Amino acid sequence: MKRILLIFLVFSFFSCEKSKIFLYDGTWNSIWIENAIFKSIAETGYGYQIIQERHSEGDIEMAFRDDRLDIVLEIWRRDELGWYGELIEAGKIIEIGNMFPNAKEGWLIPRSVSEKYNIKTLDDMKKNWKIFASDDFPSRGNFYAGTYDWVVTFANVAKMEIYGLDKYFNNIILSSQSVIDQKLIQAVESGQPVFAYYWSPSYVFNSFDWYQLPEPEYDTEIWHLIHDYAQKTSDYLPDSACAYPDIPINIVISSSLNRKAPDLVEVLKKFRIDYSVILDISVWIKSQDIQDSNEIAEYFFKKYDFWRDWLSPEASENIYAAMKVIDERED
């Protein structure tokens, strides 16, 4: 029997129309899971209509400025730099807290490849570029820099140029995280060389054995210069680069959400999903080839119960009632 989506049950619980809430629709795995859960809470628990908006990371600023965005469940503050602090100071956006307190990112190769070819440094990568080449690009190795809508992708491209690696590697920019994931997982599971940017917490980073190539220690001034060059706000390419910082990933809302949906703001103040849960859900998604975000929410609600602490008693009961209807229909 076809699965009933949670949103179809909203109208059983709510008779009055509430505000439309605009939620940032990111393209990476953890935010997809978080969005699925929060969307079902907001719609089934509280009766709001959630509109998921797909912006590039670079467009988040203008969406907030133009009141076209209410919630982003993951913002890496080191990407946004100037405008982020400016909008907080102006009272346009509010940090609700950290989704993850200490995110990491960097350039990875499989540990087995590092050990087999004795690759420990970026200079070693220059000497061993041929093992990262493909039939499509035999004259250089391949570096998977990211997707077109990630701000960090173009910082990676700039850093490759600064380190002189662009003479040995092509910067491969793909259409989505899922395509990158597929290439990395296939390579690491088969013991083949692959070179890519990635981050933690994530299924790919945390589920496989990677060697992170060391870079010079993070430097705020250098990073600002790299960011400005990557975003084409400056023509100056610095002569040195640095590692990414370990930073928190923030939940951010528009200040107007306090007026539009104060009950959802209270939910967001408590809305935290430990990465062990994200990883569990990610493994389940992969094993079952899940494509439907409503199924993700159902899995979460049925397997875990700590989410009840985020919600009002009435909203919790609405979620449970929806789960009961779904179970009865599936039986």
Protein backbone atom coordinates (compact mmCIF):
# COMPACT_ATOMS: atom_id res chain seq x y z
CA MET A 1 0.00 0.00 0.00
CA LYS A 2 1.24 3.44 -0.88
CA ARG A 3 2.73 5.23 2.14
CA ILE A 4 0.66 8.12 3.48
CA LEU A 5 2.68 11.31 3.77
CA LEU A 6 2.59 13.14 7.07
CA ILE A 7 1.60 16.41 5.47
CA PHE A 8 -1.71 14.90 4.31
CA LEU A 9 -2.70 14.48 7.95
CA VAL A 10 -2.15 18.09 8.97
CA PHE A 11 -5.66 19.16 8.06
CA SER A 12 -7.14 16.60 10.44
CA PHE A 13 -5.58 18.46 13.36
CA PHE A 14 -5.80 22.14 12.37
CA SER A 15 -8.68 24.17 11.06
CA CYS A 16 -7.11 27.65 10.98
CA GLU A 17 -4.51 28.71 8.46
CA LYS A 18 -1.07 29.56 9.81
CA SER A 19 1.90 31.42 8.31
CA LYS A 20 3.99 29.92 5.57
CA ILE A 21 7.50 29.28 6.81
CA PHE A 22 10.45 29.31 4.41
CA LEU A 23 13.11 26.70 5.19
CA TYR A 24 16.50 26.55 3.48
CA ASP A 25 16.76 23.39 1.37
CA GLY A 26 20.42 22.42 1.44
CA THR A 27 21.92 19.75 -0.79
CA TRP A 28 23.91 17.75 1.77
CA ASN A 29 22.89 14.67 3.71
CA SER A 30 22.69 15.92 7.31
CA ILE A 31 20.55 18.96 6.50
CA TRP A 32 18.24 16.82 4.36
CA ILE A 33 17.60 14.62 7.40
CA GLU A 34 17.18 17.58 9.76
CA ASN A 35 14.84 19.35 7.34
CA ALA A 36 12.70 16.22 6.95
CA ILE A 37 12.25 15.94 10.71
CA PHE A 38 11.67 19.64 11.36
CA LYS A 39 9.24 19.96 8.44
CA SER A 40 7.08 17.15 9.81
CA ILE A 41 7.17 18.64 13.30
CA ALA A 42 6.14 22.07 12.03
CA GLU A 43 3.40 20.77 9.72
CA THR A 44 1.99 17.76 11.56
CA GLY A 45 2.72 18.95 15.09
CA TYR A 46 1.92 22.66 14.77
CA GLY A 47 -0.03 23.12 11.54
CA TYR A 48 2.34 25.37 9.62
CA GLN A 49 3.02 25.11 5.91
CA ILE A 50 6.74 24.69 5.28
CA ILE A 51 8.11 25.88 1.95
CA GLN A 52 11.58 24.53 1.24
CA GLU A 53 13.62 26.99 -0.79
CA ARG A 54 16.70 25.87 -2.73
CA HIS A 55 19.28 28.66 -2.66
CA SER A 56 22.96 28.45 -3.34
CA GLU A 57 24.93 29.06 -0.15
CA GLY A 58 25.98 32.42 -1.56
CA ASP A 59 22.32 33.45 -2.02
CA ILE A 60 21.36 32.89 1.63
CA GLU A 61 22.41 36.45 2.48
CA MET A 62 20.03 38.06 -0.04
CA ALA A 63 17.20 35.68 0.88
CA PHE A 64 17.46 36.79 4.51
CA ARG A 65 17.76 40.46 3.54
CA ASP A 66 14.67 40.23 1.30
CA ASP A 67 12.58 38.30 3.86
CA ARG A 68 12.44 35.25 1.60
CA LEU A 69 13.98 32.90 4.17
CA ASP A 70 13.04 32.08 7.76
CA ILE A 71 15.20 29.16 8.88
CA VAL A 72 18.57 27.61 8.06
CA LEU A 73 19.33 24.53 10.16
CA GLU A 74 23.03 24.47 9.27
CA ILE A 75 25.20 27.52 8.61
CA TRP A 76 28.99 27.22 8.59
CA ARG A 77 29.87 30.68 9.84
CA ARG A 78 33.33 30.67 8.26
CA ASP A 79 31.67 30.75 4.82
CA GLU A 80 29.54 33.83 5.36
CA LEU A 81 32.01 36.10 7.16
CA GLY A 82 31.07 39.78 6.88
CA TRP A 83 27.36 39.75 6.03
CA TYR A 84 26.56 37.23 8.76
CA GLY A 85 27.79 39.43 11.60
CA GLU A 86 26.28 42.48 9.93
CA LEU A 87 22.78 40.93 9.80
CA ILE A 88 23.03 39.73 13.41
CA GLU A 89 24.09 43.21 14.57
CA ALA A 90 21.24 44.77 12.59
CA GLY A 91 18.76 42.39 14.22
CA LYS A 92 17.80 40.82 10.90
CA ILE A 93 18.82 37.28 11.85
CA ILE A 94 19.28 35.44 15.15
CA GLU A 95 21.54 32.55 16.10
CA ILE A 96 19.46 29.96 17.93
CA GLY A 97 22.44 27.77 18.78
CA ASN A 98 24.72 25.07 17.43
CA MET A 99 23.45 22.05 15.54
CA PHE A 100 26.94 20.57 15.85
CA PRO A 101 29.53 22.12 18.18
CA ASN A 102 32.75 21.19 16.39
CA ALA A 103 32.61 20.49 12.66
CA LYS A 104 35.74 19.53 10.73
CA GLU A 105 36.60 19.72 7.04
CA GLY A 106 39.57 19.23 4.81
CA TRP A 107 41.17 17.35 1.91
CA LEU A 108 41.05 13.58 2.07
CA ILE A 109 42.48 10.47 0.44
CA PRO A 110 41.83 6.86 1.55
CA ARG A 111 44.19 5.86 4.35
CA SER A 112 45.04 2.68 2.43
CA VAL A 113 46.24 4.81 -0.51
CA SER A 114 48.25 7.06 1.82
CA GLU A 115 50.02 4.04 3.27
CA LYS A 116 50.54 2.17 -0.01
CA TYR A 117 52.12 5.16 -1.81
CA ASN A 118 53.58 6.86 1.29
CA ILE A 119 51.57 10.03 0.68
CA LYS A 120 51.72 12.27 3.74
CA THR A 121 51.90 15.83 2.39
CA LEU A 122 50.63 18.05 -0.40
CA ASP A 123 54.07 17.82 -2.02
CA ASP A 124 53.67 14.04 -2.03
CA MET A 125 50.40 14.53 -3.91
CA LYS A 126 52.29 16.39 -6.65
CA LYS A 127 54.68 13.46 -7.01
CA ASN A 128 51.86 10.91 -7.16
CA TRP A 129 49.24 12.72 -9.25
CA LYS A 130 49.15 9.97 -11.87
CA ILE A 131 47.41 7.49 -9.58
CA PHE A 132 44.52 9.97 -9.26
CA ALA A 133 44.12 10.41 -13.02
CA SER A 134 41.24 8.89 -14.99
CA ASP A 135 40.71 7.82 -18.59
CA ASP A 136 38.72 11.03 -19.12
CA PHE A 137 41.57 13.23 -17.82
CA PRO A 138 44.77 11.22 -18.19
CA SER A 139 47.14 14.20 -18.14
CA ARG A 140 46.25 15.26 -14.59
CA GLY A 141 44.80 13.78 -11.43
CA ASN A 142 41.26 14.53 -10.28
CA PHE A 143 40.34 16.56 -7.22
CA TYR A 144 36.66 16.58 -6.24
CA ALA A 145 36.28 20.18 -5.08
CA GLY A 146 32.53 20.19 -4.35
CA THR A 147 29.30 21.21 -6.05
CA TYR A 148 28.47 24.43 -7.87
CA ASP A 149 26.21 25.73 -5.09
CA TRP A 150 28.71 25.30 -2.24
CA VAL A 151 30.68 28.42 -1.27
CA VAL A 152 33.54 26.21 -0.12
CA THR A 153 33.98 24.72 -3.62
CA PHE A 154 35.55 27.86 -4.97
CA ALA A 155 37.72 28.30 -1.90
CA ASN A 156 39.04 24.81 -2.64
CA VAL A 157 39.78 25.84 -6.23
CA ALA A 158 41.65 28.94 -5.00
CA LYS A 159 43.65 26.91 -2.49
CA MET A 160 44.63 24.39 -5.18
CA GLU A 161 46.05 27.30 -7.19
CA ILE A 162 47.92 28.75 -4.20
CA TYR A 163 49.47 25.38 -3.32
CA GLY A 164 50.47 24.83 -6.96
CA LEU A 165 48.36 21.68 -7.15
CA ASP A 166 46.36 23.03 -10.08
CA LYS A 167 49.33 22.12 -12.31
CA TYR A 168 48.85 18.47 -11.35
CA PHE A 169 45.11 18.13 -10.72
CA ASN A 170 41.83 19.05 -12.39
CA ASN A 171 39.23 20.63 -10.13
CA ILE A 172 36.14 18.47 -10.60
CA ILE A 173 32.89 20.25 -9.67
CA LEU A 174 29.82 18.02 -9.70
CA SER A 175 26.07 18.58 -9.70
CA SER A 176 25.21 17.28 -6.23
CA GLN A 177 26.54 15.81 -3.03
CA SER A 178 25.01 12.43 -3.90
CA VAL A 179 27.15 12.19 -7.04
CA ILE A 180 30.29 13.04 -5.05
CA ASP A 181 29.32 10.54 -2.35
CA GLN A 182 28.89 7.78 -4.91
CA LYS A 183 32.32 8.36 -6.41
CA LEU A 184 34.06 8.53 -3.02
CA ILE A 185 32.32 5.48 -1.58
CA GLN A 186 33.02 3.38 -4.67
CA ALA A 187 36.68 4.36 -4.57
CA VAL A 188 37.29 3.80 -0.88
CA GLU A 189 35.40 0.49 -0.81
CA SER A 190 37.44 -0.83 -3.73
CA GLY A 191 40.75 0.53 -2.44
CA GLN A 192 41.17 2.90 -5.39
CA PRO A 193 42.83 6.34 -5.16
CA VAL A 194 40.50 9.31 -4.80
CA PHE A 195 41.21 12.90 -3.71
CA ALA A 196 38.41 15.11 -2.42
CA TYR A 197 37.22 17.82 -0.10
CA TYR A 198 34.80 16.61 2.57
CA TRP A 199 33.58 17.42 6.06
CA SER A 200 32.51 15.94 9.35
CA PRO A 201 29.99 15.18 10.63
CA SER A 202 28.84 13.28 7.55
CA TYR A 203 28.19 9.70 6.50
CA VAL A 204 31.11 9.64 4.05
CA PHE A 205 33.65 11.22 6.40
CA ASN A 206 32.70 9.25 9.51
CA SER A 207 31.97 5.84 8.00
CA PHE A 208 35.24 5.21 6.17
CA ASP A 209 38.95 5.35 6.95
CA TRP A 210 40.42 8.55 5.49
CA TYR A 211 43.77 10.30 5.71
CA GLN A 212 43.40 14.08 5.97
CA LEU A 213 46.22 15.87 4.20
CA PRO A 214 47.85 18.43 6.52
CA GLU A 215 47.81 22.13 5.64
CA PRO A 216 49.28 25.18 7.36
CA GLU A 217 47.38 26.15 10.50
CA TYR A 218 44.23 28.20 10.05
CA ASP A 219 44.84 31.94 9.85
CA THR A 220 41.90 34.35 9.89
CA GLU A 221 43.55 37.01 7.71
CA ILE A 222 44.69 34.48 5.10
CA TRP A 223 41.29 32.83 5.05
CA HIS A 224 39.55 36.17 4.42
CA LEU A 225 41.83 36.79 1.44
CA ILE A 226 41.10 33.31 0.04
CA HIS A 227 37.37 33.76 0.55
CA ASP A 228 37.30 37.17 -1.17
CA TYR A 229 39.26 35.84 -4.15
CA ALA A 230 37.08 32.74 -4.41
CA GLN A 231 33.89 34.83 -4.34
CA LYS A 232 35.32 37.28 -6.92
CA THR A 233 35.10 40.26 -4.58
CA SER A 234 38.87 40.68 -4.91
CA ASP A 235 41.41 40.03 -7.67
CA TYR A 236 44.18 39.43 -5.18
CA LEU A 237 45.31 35.82 -4.83
CA PRO A 238 47.37 35.42 -1.64
CA ASP A 239 50.68 33.57 -1.88
CA SER A 240 49.85 31.29 1.04
CA ALA A 241 46.83 29.27 2.12
CA CYS A 242 45.71 27.56 5.31
CA ALA A 243 43.57 24.79 6.72
CA TYR A 244 39.90 25.20 7.47
CA PRO A 245 39.04 25.97 11.09
CA ASP A 246 37.10 23.61 13.32
CA ILE A 247 33.90 25.55 13.92
CA PRO A 248 30.34 25.13 15.17
CA ILE A 249 27.49 24.72 12.71
CA ASN A 250 24.73 27.15 13.66
CA ILE A 251 20.94 27.19 13.48
CA VAL A 252 19.88 30.63 12.24
CA ILE A 253 16.44 32.23 11.90
CA SER A 254 15.05 35.50 10.62
CA SER A 255 14.05 37.82 13.45
CA SER A 256 10.54 37.94 11.95
CA LEU A 257 10.04 34.27 12.83
CA ASN A 258 9.50 35.33 16.45
CA ARG A 259 6.34 37.06 15.23
CA LYS A 260 5.28 34.54 12.57
CA ALA A 261 5.82 31.36 14.55
CA PRO A 262 6.91 31.85 18.17
CA ASP A 263 6.08 28.22 18.97
CA LEU A 264 8.49 27.01 16.27
CA VAL A 265 11.19 29.29 17.67
CA GLU A 266 10.77 27.48 20.99
CA VAL A 267 11.13 24.16 19.19
CA LEU A 268 14.30 25.33 17.44
CA LYS A 269 15.87 26.36 20.73
CA LYS A 270 15.81 22.66 21.69
CA PHE A 271 16.12 21.07 18.24
CA ARG A 272 19.41 19.18 18.38
CA ILE A 273 20.15 15.82 16.77
CA ASP A 274 23.36 14.12 17.87
CA TYR A 275 25.52 13.02 15.00
CA SER A 276 25.28 9.37 16.08
CA VAL A 277 21.56 9.64 15.23
CA ILE A 278 22.28 11.34 11.90
CA LEU A 279 24.72 8.54 11.06
CA ASP A 280 22.20 5.85 12.03
CA ILE A 281 19.56 7.43 9.79
CA SER A 282 22.10 7.86 6.98
CA VAL A 283 23.01 4.17 7.08
CA TRP A 284 19.31 3.24 7.01
CA ILE A 285 18.67 5.59 4.07
CA LYS A 286 21.50 4.00 2.10
CA SER A 287 20.51 0.41 2.93
CA GLN A 288 16.86 1.00 1.98
CA ASP A 289 17.50 3.44 -0.90
CA ILE A 290 15.15 5.98 0.70
CA GLN A 291 14.15 8.93 -1.48
CA ASP A 292 11.13 10.26 0.41
CA SER A 293 11.80 12.73 3.21
CA ASN A 294 8.52 11.79 4.89
CA GLU A 295 9.80 8.26 5.38
CA ILE A 296 12.87 9.72 7.11
CA ALA A 297 10.68 11.61 9.57
CA GLU A 298 8.56 8.51 10.25
CA TYR A 299 11.66 6.41 10.92
CA PHE A 300 13.00 9.03 13.33
CA PHE A 301 9.72 9.48 15.23
CA LYS A 302 9.23 5.74 15.64
CA LYS A 303 12.80 4.84 16.64
CA TYR A 304 13.58 7.75 18.98
CA ASP A 305 11.56 9.56 21.60
CA PHE A 306 13.80 12.45 22.77
CA TRP A 307 12.05 14.71 20.26
CA ARG A 308 9.06 14.88 22.62
CA ASP A 309 11.13 17.17 24.87
CA TRP A 310 11.23 19.73 22.06
CA LEU A 311 7.47 19.90 21.55
CA SER A 312 4.37 20.99 23.38
CA PRO A 313 2.20 18.11 24.66
CA GLU A 314 -0.40 18.86 21.99
CA ALA A 315 2.15 18.79 19.18
CA SER A 316 3.58 15.50 20.45
CA GLU A 317 0.13 13.95 20.45
CA ASN A 318 -0.45 15.16 16.90
CA ILE A 319 2.72 13.38 15.78
CA TYR A 320 1.72 10.18 17.56
CA ALA A 321 -1.78 10.34 16.10
CA ALA A 322 -0.33 10.69 12.61
CA MET A 323 1.97 7.71 13.22
CA LYS A 324 -0.98 5.62 14.39
CA VAL A 325 -3.00 6.41 11.26
CA ILE A 326 -0.04 5.53 9.05
CA ASP A 327 0.48 2.21 10.85
CA GLU A 328 -3.22 1.32 10.56
CA ARG A 329 -3.32 2.13 6.85
CA GLU A 330 -0.14 0.12 6.18
CA ASP A 331 -1.55 -2.88 8.07
